[in-house]
Amino acid sequence: LSHLRFMDHSSRFWATVESVMPGHAALSRELKNEVLMRR
Protein backbone atom coordinates (compact mmCIF):
# COMPACT_ATOMS: atom_id res chain seq x y z
CA LEU A 1 0.00 0.00 0.00
CA SER A 2 2.74 2.44 0.86
CA HIS A 3 4.39 2.06 -2.53
CA LEU A 4 1.22 3.34 -4.16
CA ARG A 5 1.92 6.71 -2.51
CA PHE A 6 5.71 6.73 -2.25
CA MET A 7 7.97 4.94 -4.72
CA ASP A 8 10.90 4.86 -2.33
CA HIS A 9 11.77 3.92 1.24
CA SER A 10 11.74 7.46 2.62
CA SER A 11 10.59 8.41 6.09
CA ARG A 12 7.19 9.24 4.58
CA PHE A 13 6.99 5.70 3.16
CA TRP A 14 7.77 4.12 6.55
CA ALA A 15 5.33 6.43 8.34
CA THR A 16 2.62 5.17 5.98
CA VAL A 17 3.62 1.56 6.67
CA GLU A 18 3.45 2.25 10.41
CA SER A 19 0.00 3.79 10.04
CA VAL A 20 -1.47 0.62 8.51
CA MET A 21 0.73 -1.90 10.35
CA PRO A 22 1.74 -0.65 13.79
CA GLY A 23 4.82 -2.41 15.10
CA HIS A 24 5.98 -3.45 11.64
CA ALA A 25 9.67 -3.04 12.53
CA ALA A 26 9.50 -5.58 15.35
CA LEU A 27 7.52 -8.00 13.18
CA SER A 28 10.06 -7.62 10.40
CA ARG A 29 12.93 -8.41 12.79
CA GLU A 30 11.09 -11.48 14.08
CA LEU A 31 10.52 -12.74 10.54
CA LYS A 32 14.17 -12.16 9.60
CA ASN A 33 15.36 -14.02 12.72
CA GLU A 34 13.00 -16.91 11.97
CA VAL A 35 14.30 -17.22 8.40
CA LEU A 36 17.93 -17.12 9.56
CA MET A 37 17.26 -19.80 12.19
CA ARG A 38 15.87 -22.17 9.56
CA ARG A 39 19.03 -22.07 7.43
PDB file of N, CA and C in Angstrom:
ATOM      1  N   LEU A   1       0.809  -1.197   0.000  1.00  0.00           N
ATOM      2  CA  LEU A   1       0.000   0.000   0.000  1.00  0.00           C
ATOM      3  C   LEU A   1       0.852   1.260   0.000  1.00  0.00           C
ATOM      4  N   SER A   2       1.912   1.239   0.755  1.00  0.00           N
ATOM      5  CA  SER A   2       2.744   2.445   0.860  1.00  0.00           C
ATOM      6  C   SER A   2       3.400   2.801  -0.459  1.00  0.00           C
ATOM      7  N   HIS A   3       3.755   1.783  -1.241  1.00  0.00           N
ATOM      8  CA  HIS A   3       4.394   2.062  -2.528  1.00  0.00           C
ATOM      9  C   HIS A   3       3.426   2.686  -3.533  1.00  0.00           C
ATOM     10  N   LEU A   4       2.157   2.644  -3.289  1.00  0.00           N
ATOM     11  CA  LEU A   4       1.216   3.342  -4.161  1.00  0.00           C
ATOM     12  C   LEU A   4       1.323   4.852  -3.972  1.00  0.00           C
ATOM     13  N   ARG A   5       1.760   5.266  -2.797  1.00  0.00           N
ATOM     14  CA  ARG A   5       1.920   6.706  -2.514  1.00  0.00           C
ATOM     15  C   ARG A   5       3.354   7.174  -2.666  1.00  0.00           C
ATOM     16  N   PHE A   6       4.299   6.343  -2.240  1.00  0.00           N
ATOM     17  CA  PHE A   6       5.710   6.732  -2.253  1.00  0.00           C
ATOM     18  C   PHE A   6       6.523   5.620  -2.897  1.00  0.00           C
ATOM     19  N   MET A   7       7.194   5.934  -3.985  1.00  0.00           N
ATOM     20  CA  MET A   7       7.972   4.935  -4.717  1.00  0.00           C
ATOM     21  C   MET A   7       9.419   4.901  -4.230  1.00  0.00           C
ATOM     22  N   ASP A   8       9.574   4.913  -2.930  1.00  0.00           N
ATOM     23  CA  ASP A   8      10.903   4.856  -2.327  1.00  0.00           C
ATOM     24  C   ASP A   8      10.755   4.325  -0.904  1.00  0.00           C
ATOM     25  N   HIS A   9      11.821   4.340  -0.155  1.00  0.00           N
ATOM     26  CA  HIS A   9      11.767   3.923   1.240  1.00  0.00           C
ATOM     27  C   HIS A   9      12.117   5.099   2.142  1.00  0.00           C
ATOM     28  N   SER A  10      11.521   6.238   1.847  1.00  0.00           N
ATOM     29  CA  SER A  10      11.742   7.461   2.619  1.00  0.00           C
ATOM     30  C   SER A  10      11.036   7.375   3.972  1.00  0.00           C
ATOM     31  N   SER A  11      11.273   8.369   4.797  1.00  0.00           N
ATOM     32  CA  SER A  11      10.593   8.410   6.094  1.00  0.00           C
ATOM     33  C   SER A  11       9.076   8.499   5.917  1.00  0.00           C
ATOM     34  N   ARG A  12       8.634   9.158   4.849  1.00  0.00           N
ATOM     35  CA  ARG A  12       7.186   9.238   4.577  1.00  0.00           C
ATOM     36  C   ARG A  12       6.633   7.856   4.249  1.00  0.00           C
ATOM     37  N   PHE A  13       7.382   7.069   3.484  1.00  0.00           N
ATOM     38  CA  PHE A  13       6.988   5.696   3.163  1.00  0.00           C
ATOM     39  C   PHE A  13       6.800   4.891   4.455  1.00  0.00           C
ATOM     40  N   TRP A  14       7.829   4.924   5.329  1.00  0.00           N
ATOM     41  CA  TRP A  14       7.771   4.121   6.554  1.00  0.00           C
ATOM     42  C   TRP A  14       6.701   4.622   7.519  1.00  0.00           C
ATOM     43  N   ALA A  15       6.421   5.908   7.510  1.00  0.00           N
ATOM     44  CA  ALA A  15       5.327   6.432   8.336  1.00  0.00           C
ATOM     45  C   ALA A  15       3.988   5.882   7.851  1.00  0.00           C
ATOM     46  N   THR A  16       3.838   5.744   6.543  1.00  0.00           N
ATOM     47  CA  THR A  16       2.617   5.171   5.980  1.00  0.00           C
ATOM     48  C   THR A  16       2.499   3.698   6.352  1.00  0.00           C
ATOM     49  N   VAL A  17       3.609   2.969   6.260  1.00  0.00           N
ATOM     50  CA  VAL A  17       3.619   1.559   6.671  1.00  0.00           C
ATOM     51  C   VAL A  17       3.186   1.456   8.132  1.00  0.00           C
ATOM     52  N   GLU A  18       3.778   2.276   8.979  1.00  0.00           N
ATOM     53  CA  GLU A  18       3.453   2.252  10.412  1.00  0.00           C
ATOM     54  C   GLU A  18       1.979   2.564  10.656  1.00  0.00           C
ATOM     55  N   SER A  19       1.399   3.420   9.837  1.00  0.00           N
ATOM     56  CA  SER A  19      -0.005   3.791  10.042  1.00  0.00           C
ATOM     57  C   SER A  19      -0.961   2.644   9.738  1.00  0.00           C
ATOM     58  N   VAL A  20      -0.589   1.746   8.841  1.00  0.00           N
ATOM     59  CA  VAL A  20      -1.469   0.617   8.514  1.00  0.00           C
ATOM     60  C   VAL A  20      -1.032  -0.679   9.193  1.00  0.00           C
ATOM     61  N   MET A  21       0.224  -0.704   9.683  1.00  0.00           N
ATOM     62  CA  MET A  21       0.733  -1.904  10.346  1.00  0.00           C
ATOM     63  C   MET A  21       1.603  -1.497  11.536  1.00  0.00           C
ATOM     64  N   PRO A  22       0.961  -1.069  12.614  1.00  0.00           N
ATOM     65  CA  PRO A  22       1.735  -0.651  13.789  1.00  0.00           C
ATOM     66  C   PRO A  22       2.655  -1.775  14.278  1.00  0.00           C
ATOM     67  N   GLY A  23       3.869  -1.413  14.625  1.00  0.00           N
ATOM     68  CA  GLY A  23       4.820  -2.411  15.103  1.00  0.00           C
ATOM     69  C   GLY A  23       5.491  -3.197  14.000  1.00  0.00           C
ATOM     70  N   HIS A  24       5.438  -2.714  12.780  1.00  0.00           N
ATOM     71  CA  HIS A  24       5.984  -3.454  11.640  1.00  0.00           C
ATOM     72  C   HIS A  24       7.467  -3.743  11.787  1.00  0.00           C
ATOM     73  N   ALA A  25       8.224  -2.844  12.406  1.00  0.00           N
ATOM     74  CA  ALA A  25       9.673  -3.036  12.530  1.00  0.00           C
ATOM     75  C   ALA A  25       9.979  -4.269  13.379  1.00  0.00           C
ATOM     76  N   ALA A  26       9.289  -4.421  14.486  1.00  0.00           N
ATOM     77  CA  ALA A  26       9.500  -5.583  15.350  1.00  0.00           C
ATOM     78  C   ALA A  26       9.080  -6.863  14.641  1.00  0.00           C
ATOM     79  N   LEU A  27       7.978  -6.825  13.925  1.00  0.00           N
ATOM     80  CA  LEU A  27       7.518  -8.000  13.184  1.00  0.00           C
ATOM     81  C   LEU A  27       8.510  -8.372  12.092  1.00  0.00           C
ATOM     82  N   SER A  28       9.073  -7.381  11.442  1.00  0.00           N
ATOM     83  CA  SER A  28      10.060  -7.624  10.396  1.00  0.00           C
ATOM     84  C   SER A  28      11.309  -8.284  10.978  1.00  0.00           C
ATOM     85  N   ARG A  29      11.765  -7.806  12.135  1.00  0.00           N
ATOM     86  CA  ARG A  29      12.933  -8.411  12.792  1.00  0.00           C
ATOM     87  C   ARG A  29      12.645  -9.856  13.172  1.00  0.00           C
ATOM     88  N   GLU A  30      11.459 -10.119  13.707  1.00  0.00           N
ATOM     89  CA  GLU A  30      11.092 -11.483  14.081  1.00  0.00           C
ATOM     90  C   GLU A  30      11.104 -12.399  12.869  1.00  0.00           C
ATOM     91  N   LEU A  31      10.548 -11.948  11.763  1.00  0.00           N
ATOM     92  CA  LEU A  31      10.520 -12.741  10.543  1.00  0.00           C
ATOM     93  C   LEU A  31      11.934 -13.013  10.049  1.00  0.00           C
ATOM     94  N   LYS A  32      12.780 -11.994  10.045  1.00  0.00           N
ATOM     95  CA  LYS A  32      14.165 -12.161   9.602  1.00  0.00           C
ATOM     96  C   LYS A  32      14.893 -13.171  10.484  1.00  0.00           C
ATOM     97  N   ASN A  33      14.716 -13.074  11.800  1.00  0.00           N
ATOM     98  CA  ASN A  33      15.358 -14.017  12.716  1.00  0.00           C
ATOM     99  C   ASN A  33      14.861 -15.432  12.480  1.00  0.00           C
ATOM    100  N   GLU A  34      13.576 -15.588  12.234  1.00  0.00           N
ATOM    101  CA  GLU A  34      12.996 -16.910  11.974  1.00  0.00           C
ATOM    102  C   GLU A  34      13.594 -17.521  10.715  1.00  0.00           C
ATOM    103  N   VAL A  35      13.727 -16.732   9.664  1.00  0.00           N
ATOM    104  CA  VAL A  35      14.298 -17.219   8.405  1.00  0.00           C
ATOM    105  C   VAL A  35      15.745 -17.627   8.619  1.00  0.00           C
ATOM    106  N   LEU A  36      16.516 -16.813   9.325  1.00  0.00           N
ATOM    107  CA  LEU A  36      17.925 -17.119   9.564  1.00  0.00           C
ATOM    108  C   LEU A  36      18.091 -18.378  10.400  1.00  0.00           C
ATOM    109  N   MET A  37      17.179 -18.612  11.338  1.00  0.00           N
ATOM    110  CA  MET A  37      17.262 -19.801  12.188  1.00  0.00           C
ATOM    111  C   MET A  37      16.975 -21.073  11.403  1.00  0.00           C
ATOM    112  N   ARG A  38      16.232 -20.985  10.337  1.00  0.00           N
ATOM    113  CA  ARG A  38      15.867 -22.169   9.558  1.00  0.00           C
ATOM    114  C   ARG A  38      16.938 -22.570   8.554  1.00  0.00           C
ATOM    115  N   ARG A  39      17.967 -21.747   8.398  1.00  0.00           N
ATOM    116  CA  ARG A  39      19.028 -22.067   7.431  1.00  0.00           C
ATOM    117  C   ARG A  39      19.988 -23.068   7.981  1.00  0.00           C
TER     118      ARG A  39
END
